[in-house]
């Protein structure tokens, strides 16, 4: 994996809810999904959830974000599959709260 490509950098920005992540959504359509370009780790999920806890990302964005990470063919989410499932299915796993996010982060560390 070449972490210097725009494709990789955009996925990294999105996965971590890094600054400017909202701008990445429009560019995703331009990237092929036929091979993995980014592998999501526990650290990535913790970084993203920290952005939520700090108020930089709206709690309502987490469900769509988690679903998107699960769907993309250029993202390997196998290491964090369970947590993404929980975050993308609040009707089955319960409403997402700051306490739940904190608990998830503790489990991932």
PDB file of N, CA and C in Angstrom:
ATOM      1  N   UNK A   1       0.830  -1.186   0.000  1.00  0.00           N
ATOM      2  CA  UNK A   1       0.000   0.000   0.000  1.00  0.00           C
ATOM      3  C   UNK A   1       0.874   1.248   0.000  1.00  0.00           C
ATOM      4  N   UNK A   2       0.565   2.117  -0.897  1.00  0.00           N
ATOM      5  CA  UNK A   2       1.322   3.368  -1.021  1.00  0.00           C
ATOM      6  C   UNK A   2       0.585   4.456  -0.252  1.00  0.00           C
ATOM      7  N   UNK A   3       1.124   4.832   0.891  1.00  0.00           N
ATOM      8  CA  UNK A   3       0.429   5.820   1.718  1.00  0.00           C
ATOM      9  C   UNK A   3       0.686   7.257   1.295  1.00  0.00           C
ATOM     10  N   UNK A   4       1.265   7.445   0.116  1.00  0.00           N
ATOM     11  CA  UNK A   4       1.482   8.807  -0.380  1.00  0.00           C
ATOM     12  C   UNK A   4       0.444   9.202  -1.436  1.00  0.00           C
ATOM     13  N   UNK A   5      -0.392   8.275  -1.860  1.00  0.00           N
ATOM     14  CA  UNK A   5      -1.375   8.595  -2.894  1.00  0.00           C
ATOM     15  C   UNK A   5      -2.530   9.415  -2.314  1.00  0.00           C
ATOM     16  N   UNK A   6      -3.169  10.164  -3.163  1.00  0.00           N
ATOM     17  CA  UNK A   6      -4.335  10.942  -2.741  1.00  0.00           C
ATOM     18  C   UNK A   6      -5.436  10.011  -2.246  1.00  0.00           C
ATOM     19  N   UNK A   7      -5.569   8.875  -2.918  1.00  0.00           N
ATOM     20  CA  UNK A   7      -6.576   7.881  -2.534  1.00  0.00           C
ATOM     21  C   UNK A   7      -6.361   7.451  -1.079  1.00  0.00           C
ATOM     22  N   UNK A   8      -5.161   7.029  -0.754  1.00  0.00           N
ATOM     23  CA  UNK A   8      -4.833   6.601   0.610  1.00  0.00           C
ATOM     24  C   UNK A   8      -5.045   7.743   1.599  1.00  0.00           C
ATOM     25  N   UNK A   9      -4.550   8.911   1.276  1.00  0.00           N
ATOM     26  CA  UNK A   9      -4.662  10.068   2.178  1.00  0.00           C
ATOM     27  C   UNK A   9      -6.119  10.430   2.442  1.00  0.00           C
ATOM     28  N   UNK A  10      -6.959  10.387   1.405  1.00  0.00           N
ATOM     29  CA  UNK A  10      -8.377  10.690   1.594  1.00  0.00           C
ATOM     30  C   UNK A  10      -9.045   9.639   2.477  1.00  0.00           C
ATOM     31  N   UNK A  11      -8.721   8.377   2.253  1.00  0.00           N
ATOM     32  CA  UNK A  11      -9.296   7.329   3.099  1.00  0.00           C
ATOM     33  C   UNK A  11      -8.832   7.483   4.546  1.00  0.00           C
ATOM     34  N   UNK A  12      -7.577   7.792   4.749  1.00  0.00           N
ATOM     35  CA  UNK A  12      -7.060   8.001   6.104  1.00  0.00           C
ATOM     36  C   UNK A  12      -7.769   9.163   6.790  1.00  0.00           C
ATOM     37  N   UNK A  13      -7.998  10.220   6.050  1.00  0.00           N
ATOM     38  CA  UNK A  13      -8.707  11.387   6.588  1.00  0.00           C
ATOM     39  C   UNK A  13     -10.123  11.004   6.990  1.00  0.00           C
ATOM     40  N   UNK A  14     -10.804  10.277   6.130  1.00  0.00           N
ATOM     41  CA  UNK A  14     -12.171   9.855   6.407  1.00  0.00           C
ATOM     42  C   UNK A  14     -12.230   8.883   7.579  1.00  0.00           C
ATOM     43  N   UNK A  15     -11.388   7.878   7.561  1.00  0.00           N
ATOM     44  CA  UNK A  15     -11.403   6.847   8.596  1.00  0.00           C
ATOM     45  C   UNK A  15     -11.174   7.447   9.975  1.00  0.00           C
ATOM     46  N   UNK A  16     -10.328   8.437  10.073  1.00  0.00           N
ATOM     47  CA  UNK A  16      -9.997   9.038  11.370  1.00  0.00           C
ATOM     48  C   UNK A  16     -10.817  10.292  11.693  1.00  0.00           C
ATOM     49  N   UNK A  17     -11.789  10.615  10.839  1.00  0.00           N
ATOM     50  CA  UNK A  17     -12.549  11.860  11.018  1.00  0.00           C
ATOM     51  C   UNK A  17     -11.591  13.032  11.183  1.00  0.00           C
ATOM     52  N   UNK A  18     -10.508  13.018  10.430  1.00  0.00           N
ATOM     53  CA  UNK A  18      -9.511  14.082  10.522  1.00  0.00           C
ATOM     54  C   UNK A  18     -10.058  15.367   9.893  1.00  0.00           C
ATOM     55  N   UNK A  19      -9.379  16.448  10.147  1.00  0.00           N
ATOM     56  CA  UNK A  19      -9.784  17.742   9.615  1.00  0.00           C
ATOM     57  C   UNK A  19      -9.998  17.669   8.114  1.00  0.00           C
ATOM     58  N   UNK A  20     -11.137  18.154   7.654  1.00  0.00           N
ATOM     59  CA  UNK A  20     -11.466  18.147   6.239  1.00  0.00           C
ATOM     60  C   UNK A  20     -12.146  16.875   5.763  1.00  0.00           C
ATOM     61  N   UNK A  21     -12.510  15.989   6.683  1.00  0.00           N
ATOM     62  CA  UNK A  21     -13.121  14.726   6.272  1.00  0.00           C
ATOM     63  C   UNK A  21     -14.407  14.920   5.463  1.00  0.00           C
ATOM     64  N   UNK A  22     -15.137  15.991   5.725  1.00  0.00           N
ATOM     65  CA  UNK A  22     -16.386  16.237   4.993  1.00  0.00           C
ATOM     66  C   UNK A  22     -16.130  16.412   3.498  1.00  0.00           C
ATOM     67  N   UNK A  23     -14.970  16.953   3.140  1.00  0.00           N
ATOM     68  CA  UNK A  23     -14.635  17.178   1.738  1.00  0.00           C
ATOM     69  C   UNK A  23     -14.278  15.896   1.006  1.00  0.00           C
ATOM     70  N   UNK A  24     -13.943  14.863   1.735  1.00  0.00           N
ATOM     71  CA  UNK A  24     -13.514  13.603   1.130  1.00  0.00           C
ATOM     72  C   UNK A  24     -14.684  12.867   0.483  1.00  0.00           C
ATOM     73  N   UNK A  25     -15.870  12.971   1.050  1.00  0.00           N
ATOM     74  CA  UNK A  25     -17.019  12.226   0.544  1.00  0.00           C
ATOM     75  C   UNK A  25     -17.217  12.431  -0.958  1.00  0.00           C
ATOM     76  N   UNK A  26     -17.109  13.639  -1.419  1.00  0.00           N
ATOM     77  CA  UNK A  26     -17.324  13.937  -2.846  1.00  0.00           C
ATOM     78  C   UNK A  26     -16.245  13.315  -3.728  1.00  0.00           C
ATOM     79  N   UNK A  27     -15.058  13.134  -3.201  1.00  0.00           N
ATOM     80  CA  UNK A  27     -13.966  12.573  -4.003  1.00  0.00           C
ATOM     81  C   UNK A  27     -13.970  11.049  -4.049  1.00  0.00           C
ATOM     82  N   UNK A  28     -14.665  10.412  -3.117  1.00  0.00           N
ATOM     83  CA  UNK A  28     -14.646   8.956  -3.050  1.00  0.00           C
ATOM     84  C   UNK A  28     -15.121   8.288  -4.337  1.00  0.00           C
ATOM     85  N   UNK A  29     -16.052   8.916  -5.014  1.00  0.00           N
ATOM     86  CA  UNK A  29     -16.591   8.343  -6.251  1.00  0.00           C
ATOM     87  C   UNK A  29     -15.511   8.169  -7.324  1.00  0.00           C
ATOM     88  N   UNK A  30     -14.446   8.936  -7.244  1.00  0.00           N
ATOM     89  CA  UNK A  30     -13.375   8.881  -8.240  1.00  0.00           C
ATOM     90  C   UNK A  30     -12.384   7.757  -8.018  1.00  0.00           C
ATOM     91  N   UNK A  31     -12.445   7.085  -6.873  1.00  0.00           N
ATOM     92  CA  UNK A  31     -11.452   6.071  -6.539  1.00  0.00           C
ATOM     93  C   UNK A  31     -11.978   4.664  -6.798  1.00  0.00           C
ATOM     94  N   UNK A  32     -11.153   3.821  -7.417  1.00  0.00           N
ATOM     95  CA  UNK A  32     -11.565   2.430  -7.629  1.00  0.00           C
ATOM     96  C   UNK A  32     -11.639   1.695  -6.289  1.00  0.00           C
ATOM     97  N   UNK A  33     -12.487   0.675  -6.249  1.00  0.00           N
ATOM     98  CA  UNK A  33     -12.647  -0.102  -5.028  1.00  0.00           C
ATOM     99  C   UNK A  33     -12.292  -1.570  -5.248  1.00  0.00           C
ATOM    100  N   UNK A  34     -11.526  -1.845  -6.295  1.00  0.00           N
ATOM    101  CA  UNK A  34     -11.227  -3.229  -6.641  1.00  0.00           C
ATOM    102  C   UNK A  34     -10.065  -3.829  -5.852  1.00  0.00           C
ATOM    103  N   UNK A  35      -9.342  -3.010  -5.092  1.00  0.00           N
ATOM    104  CA  UNK A  35      -8.300  -3.540  -4.221  1.00  0.00           C
ATOM    105  C   UNK A  35      -8.165  -2.663  -2.979  1.00  0.00           C
ATOM    106  N   UNK A  36      -7.738  -3.318  -1.904  1.00  0.00           N
ATOM    107  CA  UNK A  36      -7.622  -2.626  -0.619  1.00  0.00           C
ATOM    108  C   UNK A  36      -6.500  -1.598  -0.684  1.00  0.00           C
ATOM    109  N   UNK A  37      -6.833  -0.407  -0.232  1.00  0.00           N
ATOM    110  CA  UNK A  37      -5.874   0.694  -0.208  1.00  0.00           C
ATOM    111  C   UNK A  37      -5.579   1.126   1.233  1.00  0.00           C
ATOM    112  N   UNK A  38      -6.482   0.778   2.153  1.00  0.00           N
ATOM    113  CA  UNK A  38      -6.332   1.207   3.544  1.00  0.00           C
ATOM    114  C   UNK A  38      -6.831   0.105   4.469  1.00  0.00           C
ATOM    115  N   UNK A  39      -6.082  -0.183   5.525  1.00  0.00           N
ATOM    116  CA  UNK A  39      -6.474  -1.155   6.539  1.00  0.00           C
ATOM    117  C   UNK A  39      -6.803  -0.397   7.823  1.00  0.00           C
ATOM    118  N   UNK A  40      -8.032  -0.523   8.280  1.00  0.00           N
ATOM    119  CA  UNK A  40      -8.485   0.189   9.475  1.00  0.00           C
ATOM    120  C   UNK A  40      -8.026  -0.568  10.722  1.00  0.00           C
ATOM    121  N   UNK A  41      -7.446   0.164  11.651  1.00  0.00           N
ATOM    122  CA  UNK A  41      -6.959  -0.422  12.905  1.00  0.00           C
ATOM    123  C   UNK A  41      -7.769   0.103  14.091  1.00  0.00           C
ATOM    124  N   UNK A  42      -7.531  -0.499  15.241  1.00  0.00           N
ATOM    125  CA  UNK A  42      -8.141  -0.003  16.476  1.00  0.00           C
ATOM    126  C   UNK A  42      -7.752   1.448  16.735  1.00  0.00           C
ATOM    127  N   UNK A  43      -6.508   1.791  16.429  1.00  0.00           N
ATOM    128  CA  UNK A  43      -6.054   3.176  16.629  1.00  0.00           C
ATOM    129  C   UNK A  43      -6.841   4.155  15.762  1.00  0.00           C
ATOM    130  N   UNK A  44      -7.151   3.738  14.535  1.00  0.00           N
ATOM    131  CA  UNK A  44      -7.954   4.593  13.653  1.00  0.00           C
ATOM    132  C   UNK A  44      -9.333   4.847  14.248  1.00  0.00           C
ATOM    133  N   UNK A  45      -9.964   3.781  14.718  1.00  0.00           N
ATOM    134  CA  UNK A  45     -11.305   3.923  15.290  1.00  0.00           C
ATOM    135  C   UNK A  45     -11.253   4.801  16.537  1.00  0.00           C
ATOM    136  N   UNK A  46     -10.255   4.596  17.385  1.00  0.00           N
ATOM    137  CA  UNK A  46     -10.113   5.430  18.580  1.00  0.00           C
ATOM    138  C   UNK A  46      -9.903   6.898  18.210  1.00  0.00           C
ATOM    139  N   UNK A  47      -9.104   7.163  17.192  1.00  0.00           N
ATOM    140  CA  UNK A  47      -8.877   8.543  16.748  1.00  0.00           C
ATOM    141  C   UNK A  47     -10.181   9.168  16.267  1.00  0.00           C
ATOM    142  N   UNK A  48     -10.963   8.407  15.521  1.00  0.00           N
ATOM    143  CA  UNK A  48     -12.242   8.914  15.021  1.00  0.00           C
ATOM    144  C   UNK A  48     -13.212   9.171  16.165  1.00  0.00           C
ATOM    145  N   UNK A  49     -13.316   8.226  17.078  1.00  0.00           N
ATOM    146  CA  UNK A  49     -14.244   8.387  18.195  1.00  0.00           C
ATOM    147  C   UNK A  49     -13.815   9.516  19.131  1.00  0.00           C
ATOM    148  N   UNK A  50     -12.537   9.748  19.224  1.00  0.00           N
ATOM    149  CA  UNK A  50     -12.047  10.888  20.012  1.00  0.00           C
ATOM    150  C   UNK A  50     -12.545  12.202  19.414  1.00  0.00           C
ATOM    151  N   UNK A  51     -12.621  12.277  18.105  1.00  0.00           N
ATOM    152  CA  UNK A  51     -13.146  13.475  17.442  1.00  0.00           C
ATOM    153  C   UNK A  51     -14.611  13.704  17.823  1.00  0.00           C
ATOM    154  N   UNK A  52     -15.353  12.612  17.978  1.00  0.00           N
ATOM    155  CA  UNK A  52     -16.755  12.709  18.399  1.00  0.00           C
ATOM    156  C   UNK A  52     -16.827  13.205  19.842  1.00  0.00           C
ATOM    157  N   UNK A  53     -16.025  12.599  20.711  1.00  0.00           N
ATOM    158  CA  UNK A  53     -16.041  12.994  22.119  1.00  0.00           C
ATOM    159  C   UNK A  53     -15.652  14.455  22.309  1.00  0.00           C
ATOM    160  N   UNK A  54     -14.773  14.957  21.465  1.00  0.00           N
ATOM    161  CA  UNK A  54     -14.332  16.346  21.570  1.00  0.00           C
ATOM    162  C   UNK A  54     -15.311  17.321  20.916  1.00  0.00           C
ATOM    163  N   UNK A  55     -16.351  16.809  20.292  1.00  0.00           N
ATOM    164  CA  UNK A  55     -17.364  17.661  19.684  1.00  0.00           C
ATOM    165  C   UNK A  55     -17.028  18.140  18.287  1.00  0.00           C
ATOM    166  N   UNK A  56     -15.982  17.584  17.671  1.00  0.00           N
ATOM    167  CA  UNK A  56     -15.603  17.977  16.313  1.00  0.00           C
ATOM    168  C   UNK A  56     -16.447  17.266  15.256  1.00  0.00           C
ATOM    169  N   UNK A  57     -17.053  16.158  15.649  1.00  0.00           N
ATOM    170  CA  UNK A  57     -17.891  15.369  14.751  1.00  0.00           C
ATOM    171  C   UNK A  57     -19.214  15.116  15.461  1.00  0.00           C
ATOM    172  N   UNK A  58     -20.298  15.304  14.733  1.00  0.00           N
ATOM    173  CA  UNK A  58     -21.629  15.098  15.290  1.00  0.00           C
ATOM    174  C   UNK A  58     -21.896  13.608  15.487  1.00  0.00           C
ATOM    175  N   UNK A  59     -22.476  13.255  16.596  1.00  0.00           N
ATOM    176  CA  UNK A  59     -22.804  11.860  16.904  1.00  0.00           C
ATOM    177  C   UNK A  59     -23.644  11.226  15.791  1.00  0.00           C
ATOM    178  N   UNK A  60     -24.490  12.018  15.155  1.00  0.00           N
ATOM    179  CA  UNK A  60     -25.351  11.507  14.089  1.00  0.00           C
ATOM    180  C   UNK A  60     -24.562  11.063  12.860  1.00  0.00           C
ATOM    181  N   UNK A  61     -23.350  11.541  12.692  1.00  0.00           N
ATOM    182  CA  UNK A  61     -22.526  11.165  11.534  1.00  0.00           C
ATOM    183  C   UNK A  61     -21.878   9.792  11.689  1.00  0.00           C
ATOM    184  N   UNK A  62     -21.832   9.277  12.888  1.00  0.00           N
ATOM    185  CA  UNK A  62     -21.092   8.038  13.156  1.00  0.00           C
ATOM    186  C   UNK A  62     -21.716   6.834  12.463  1.00  0.00           C
ATOM    187  N   UNK A  63     -23.033   6.729  12.481  1.00  0.00           N
ATOM    188  CA  UNK A  63     -23.701   5.572  11.861  1.00  0.00           C
ATOM    189  C   UNK A  63     -23.400   5.502  10.367  1.00  0.00           C
ATOM    190  N   UNK A  64     -23.552   6.615   9.654  1.00  0.00           N
ATOM    191  CA  UNK A  64     -23.270   6.634   8.217  1.00  0.00           C
ATOM    192  C   UNK A  64     -21.793   6.346   7.953  1.00  0.00           C
ATOM    193  N   UNK A  65     -20.909   6.931   8.747  1.00  0.00           N
ATOM    194  CA  UNK A  65     -19.472   6.719   8.618  1.00  0.00           C
ATOM    195  C   UNK A  65     -19.106   5.245   8.763  1.00  0.00           C
ATOM    196  N   UNK A  66     -19.640   4.609   9.806  1.00  0.00           N
ATOM    197  CA  UNK A  66     -19.345   3.192  10.046  1.00  0.00           C
ATOM    198  C   UNK A  66     -19.874   2.332   8.904  1.00  0.00           C
ATOM    199  N   UNK A  67     -21.064   2.638   8.414  1.00  0.00           N
ATOM    200  CA  UNK A  67     -21.625   1.894   7.281  1.00  0.00           C
ATOM    201  C   UNK A  67     -20.770   2.061   6.037  1.00  0.00           C
ATOM    202  N   UNK A  68     -20.307   3.261   5.802  1.00  0.00           N
ATOM    203  CA  UNK A  68     -19.462   3.526   4.639  1.00  0.00           C
ATOM    204  C   UNK A  68     -18.161   2.733   4.713  1.00  0.00           C
ATOM    205  N   UNK A  69     -17.542   2.694   5.876  1.00  0.00           N
ATOM    206  CA  UNK A  69     -16.299   1.938   6.026  1.00  0.00           C
ATOM    207  C   UNK A  69     -16.532   0.454   5.773  1.00  0.00           C
ATOM    208  N   UNK A  70     -17.686  -0.050   6.184  1.00  0.00           N
ATOM    209  CA  UNK A  70     -18.016  -1.454   5.953  1.00  0.00           C
ATOM    210  C   UNK A  70     -18.232  -1.759   4.471  1.00  0.00           C
ATOM    211  N   UNK A  71     -18.775  -0.808   3.741  1.00  0.00           N
ATOM    212  CA  UNK A  71     -19.144  -1.013   2.331  1.00  0.00           C
ATOM    213  C   UNK A  71     -17.988  -0.895   1.352  1.00  0.00           C
ATOM    214  N   UNK A  72     -17.043  -0.043   1.648  1.00  0.00           N
ATOM    215  CA  UNK A  72     -15.997   0.277   0.671  1.00  0.00           C
ATOM    216  C   UNK A  72     -15.089  -0.914   0.400  1.00  0.00           C
ATOM    217  N   UNK A  73     -14.879  -1.229  -0.864  1.00  0.00           N
ATOM    218  CA  UNK A  73     -13.992  -2.307  -1.257  1.00  0.00           C
ATOM    219  C   UNK A  73     -12.525  -1.956  -1.140  1.00  0.00           C
ATOM    220  N   UNK A  74     -12.220  -0.678  -1.022  1.00  0.00           N
ATOM    221  CA  UNK A  74     -10.823  -0.251  -0.899  1.00  0.00           C
ATOM    222  C   UNK A  74     -10.391  -0.094   0.562  1.00  0.00           C
ATOM    223  N   UNK A  75     -11.272  -0.460   1.476  1.00  0.00           N
ATOM    224  CA  UNK A  75     -10.980  -0.392   2.909  1.00  0.00           C
ATOM    225  C   UNK A  75     -11.116  -1.790   3.505  1.00  0.00           C
ATOM    226  N   UNK A  76     -10.049  -2.258   4.140  1.00  0.00           N
ATOM    227  CA  UNK A  76     -10.094  -3.526   4.869  1.00  0.00           C
ATOM    228  C   UNK A  76     -10.458  -3.200   6.317  1.00  0.00           C
ATOM    229  N   UNK A  77     -11.651  -3.595   6.707  1.00  0.00           N
ATOM    230  CA  UNK A  77     -12.138  -3.290   8.056  1.00  0.00           C
ATOM    231  C   UNK A  77     -12.209  -4.550   8.933  1.00  0.00           C
ATOM    232  N   UNK A  78     -11.570  -5.623   8.509  1.00  0.00           N
ATOM    233  CA  UNK A  78     -11.696  -6.903   9.206  1.00  0.00           C
ATOM    234  C   UNK A  78     -11.215  -6.840  10.667  1.00  0.00           C
ATOM    235  N   UNK A  79     -10.235  -6.013  10.964  1.00  0.00           N
ATOM    236  CA  UNK A  79      -9.722  -5.903  12.339  1.00  0.00           C
ATOM    237  C   UNK A  79     -10.716  -5.225  13.283  1.00  0.00           C
ATOM    238  N   UNK A  80     -11.638  -4.455  12.721  1.00  0.00           N
ATOM    239  CA  UNK A  80     -12.579  -3.680  13.539  1.00  0.00           C
ATOM    240  C   UNK A  80     -14.027  -3.951  13.137  1.00  0.00           C
ATOM    241  N   UNK A  81     -14.250  -5.091  12.537  1.00  0.00           N
ATOM    242  CA  UNK A  81     -15.571  -5.424  12.008  1.00  0.00           C
ATOM    243  C   UNK A  81     -16.675  -5.352  13.062  1.00  0.00           C
ATOM    244  N   UNK A  82     -16.407  -5.884  14.239  1.00  0.00           N
ATOM    245  CA  UNK A  82     -17.419  -5.894  15.293  1.00  0.00           C
ATOM    246  C   UNK A  82     -17.824  -4.511  15.751  1.00  0.00           C
ATOM    247  N   UNK A  83     -16.850  -3.652  15.951  1.00  0.00           N
ATOM    248  CA  UNK A  83     -17.163  -2.297  16.421  1.00  0.00           C
ATOM    249  C   UNK A  83     -17.878  -1.505  15.333  1.00  0.00           C
ATOM    250  N   UNK A  84     -17.490  -1.681  14.082  1.00  0.00           N
ATOM    251  CA  UNK A  84     -18.201  -0.988  12.998  1.00  0.00           C
ATOM    252  C   UNK A  84     -19.638  -1.469  12.906  1.00  0.00           C
ATOM    253  N   UNK A  85     -19.844  -2.752  13.100  1.00  0.00           N
ATOM    254  CA  UNK A  85     -21.214  -3.284  13.092  1.00  0.00           C
ATOM    255  C   UNK A  85     -22.040  -2.617  14.198  1.00  0.00           C
ATOM    256  N   UNK A  86     -21.461  -2.559  15.389  1.00  0.00           N
ATOM    257  CA  UNK A  86     -22.169  -1.943  16.514  1.00  0.00           C
ATOM    258  C   UNK A  86     -22.486  -0.480  16.241  1.00  0.00           C
ATOM    259  N   UNK A  87     -21.544   0.246  15.659  1.00  0.00           N
ATOM    260  CA  UNK A  87     -21.743   1.672  15.397  1.00  0.00           C
ATOM    261  C   UNK A  87     -22.719   1.925  14.251  1.00  0.00           C
ATOM    262  N   UNK A  88     -22.808   0.994  13.318  1.00  0.00           N
ATOM    263  CA  UNK A  88     -23.671   1.209  12.151  1.00  0.00           C
ATOM    264  C   UNK A  88     -25.081   0.636  12.333  1.00  0.00           C
ATOM    265  N   UNK A  89     -25.338   0.008  13.471  1.00  0.00           N
ATOM    266  CA  UNK A  89     -26.651  -0.601  13.718  1.00  0.00           C
ATOM    267  C   UNK A  89     -27.208  -0.221  15.088  1.00  0.00           C
ATOM    268  N   UNK A  90     -27.495   1.066  15.291  1.00  0.00           N
ATOM    269  CA  UNK A  90     -27.975   1.488  16.610  1.00  0.00           C
ATOM    270  C   UNK A  90     -29.329   0.884  16.978  1.00  0.00           C
ATOM    271  N   UNK A  91     -30.129   0.523  15.981  1.00  0.00           N
ATOM    272  CA  UNK A  91     -31.435  -0.067  16.289  1.00  0.00           C
ATOM    273  C   UNK A  91     -31.277  -1.444  16.938  1.00  0.00           C
ATOM    274  N   UNK A  92     -30.171  -2.119  16.663  1.00  0.00           N
ATOM    275  CA  UNK A  92     -29.916  -3.424  17.270  1.00  0.00           C
ATOM    276  C   UNK A  92     -28.995  -3.329  18.481  1.00  0.00           C
ATOM    277  N   UNK A  93     -28.080  -2.387  18.461  1.00  0.00           N
ATOM    278  CA  UNK A  93     -27.063  -2.296  19.509  1.00  0.00           C
ATOM    279  C   UNK A  93     -27.369  -1.216  20.549  1.00  0.00           C
ATOM    280  N   UNK A  94     -28.418  -0.447  20.319  1.00  0.00           N
ATOM    281  CA  UNK A  94     -28.775   0.624  21.242  1.00  0.00           C
ATOM    282  C   UNK A  94     -28.231   1.962  20.778  1.00  0.00           C
ATOM    283  N   UNK A  95     -28.882   3.007  21.239  1.00  0.00           N
ATOM    284  CA  UNK A  95     -28.503   4.364  20.856  1.00  0.00           C
ATOM    285  C   UNK A  95     -27.069   4.672  21.272  1.00  0.00           C
ATOM    286  N   UNK A  96     -26.366   5.360  20.405  1.00  0.00           N
ATOM    287  CA  UNK A  96     -24.985   5.738  20.678  1.00  0.00           C
ATOM    288  C   UNK A  96     -24.951   6.935  21.620  1.00  0.00           C
ATOM    289  N   UNK A  97     -24.158   6.817  22.662  1.00  0.00           N
ATOM    290  CA  UNK A  97     -24.005   7.895  23.647  1.00  0.00           C
ATOM    291  C   UNK A  97     -22.512   8.133  23.867  1.00  0.00           C
ATOM    292  N   UNK A  98     -22.199   9.226  24.531  1.00  0.00           N
ATOM    293  CA  UNK A  98     -20.801   9.503  24.861  1.00  0.00           C
ATOM    294  C   UNK A  98     -20.234   8.411  25.764  1.00  0.00           C
ATOM    295  N   UNK A  99     -21.040   7.906  26.673  1.00  0.00           N
ATOM    296  CA  UNK A  99     -20.579   6.822  27.548  1.00  0.00           C
ATOM    297  C   UNK A  99     -20.238   5.571  26.745  1.00  0.00           C
ATOM    298  N   UNK A 100     -21.080   5.232  25.775  1.00  0.00           N
ATOM    299  CA  UNK A 100     -20.804   4.049  24.951  1.00  0.00           C
ATOM    300  C   UNK A 100     -19.538   4.242  24.121  1.00  0.00           C
ATOM    301  N   UNK A 101     -19.359   5.437  23.593  1.00  0.00           N
ATOM    302  CA  UNK A 101     -18.147   5.716  22.827  1.00  0.00           C
ATOM    303  C   UNK A 101     -16.913   5.554  23.714  1.00  0.00           C
ATOM    304  N   UNK A 102     -16.988   6.084  24.920  1.00  0.00           N
ATOM    305  CA  UNK A 102     -15.859   5.946  25.852  1.00  0.00           C
ATOM    306  C   UNK A 102     -15.591   4.482  26.165  1.00  0.00           C
ATOM    307  N   UNK A 103     -16.629   3.691  26.360  1.00  0.00           N
ATOM    308  CA  UNK A 103     -16.467   2.267  26.650  1.00  0.00           C
ATOM    309  C   UNK A 103     -15.841   1.537  25.469  1.00  0.00           C
ATOM    310  N   UNK A 104     -16.277   1.861  24.265  1.00  0.00           N
ATOM    311  CA  UNK A 104     -15.710   1.251  23.068  1.00  0.00           C
ATOM    312  C   UNK A 104     -14.230   1.562  22.977  1.00  0.00           C
ATOM    313  N   UNK A 105     -13.870   2.808  23.240  1.00  0.00           N
ATOM    314  CA  UNK A 105     -12.467   3.202  23.167  1.00  0.00           C
ATOM    315  C   UNK A 105     -11.618   2.445  24.184  1.00  0.00           C
ATOM    316  N   UNK A 106     -12.145   2.241  25.369  1.00  0.00           N
ATOM    317  CA  UNK A 106     -11.418   1.481  26.390  1.00  0.00           C
ATOM    318  C   UNK A 106     -11.185   0.050  25.906  1.00  0.00           C
ATOM    319  N   UNK A 107     -12.201  -0.549  25.320  1.00  0.00           N
ATOM    320  CA  UNK A 107     -12.074  -1.922  24.808  1.00  0.00           C
ATOM    321  C   UNK A 107     -11.074  -2.030  23.662  1.00  0.00           C
ATOM    322  N   UNK A 108     -10.978  -0.990  22.852  1.00  0.00           N
ATOM    323  CA  UNK A 108     -10.085  -1.035  21.701  1.00  0.00           C
ATOM    324  C   UNK A 108      -8.625  -0.773  22.046  1.00  0.00           C
ATOM    325  N   UNK A 109      -8.369  -0.139  23.158  1.00  0.00           N
ATOM    326  CA  UNK A 109      -6.986   0.220  23.526  1.00  0.00           C
ATOM    327  C   UNK A 109      -6.241  -0.943  24.138  1.00  0.00           C
TER     328      UNK A 109
END
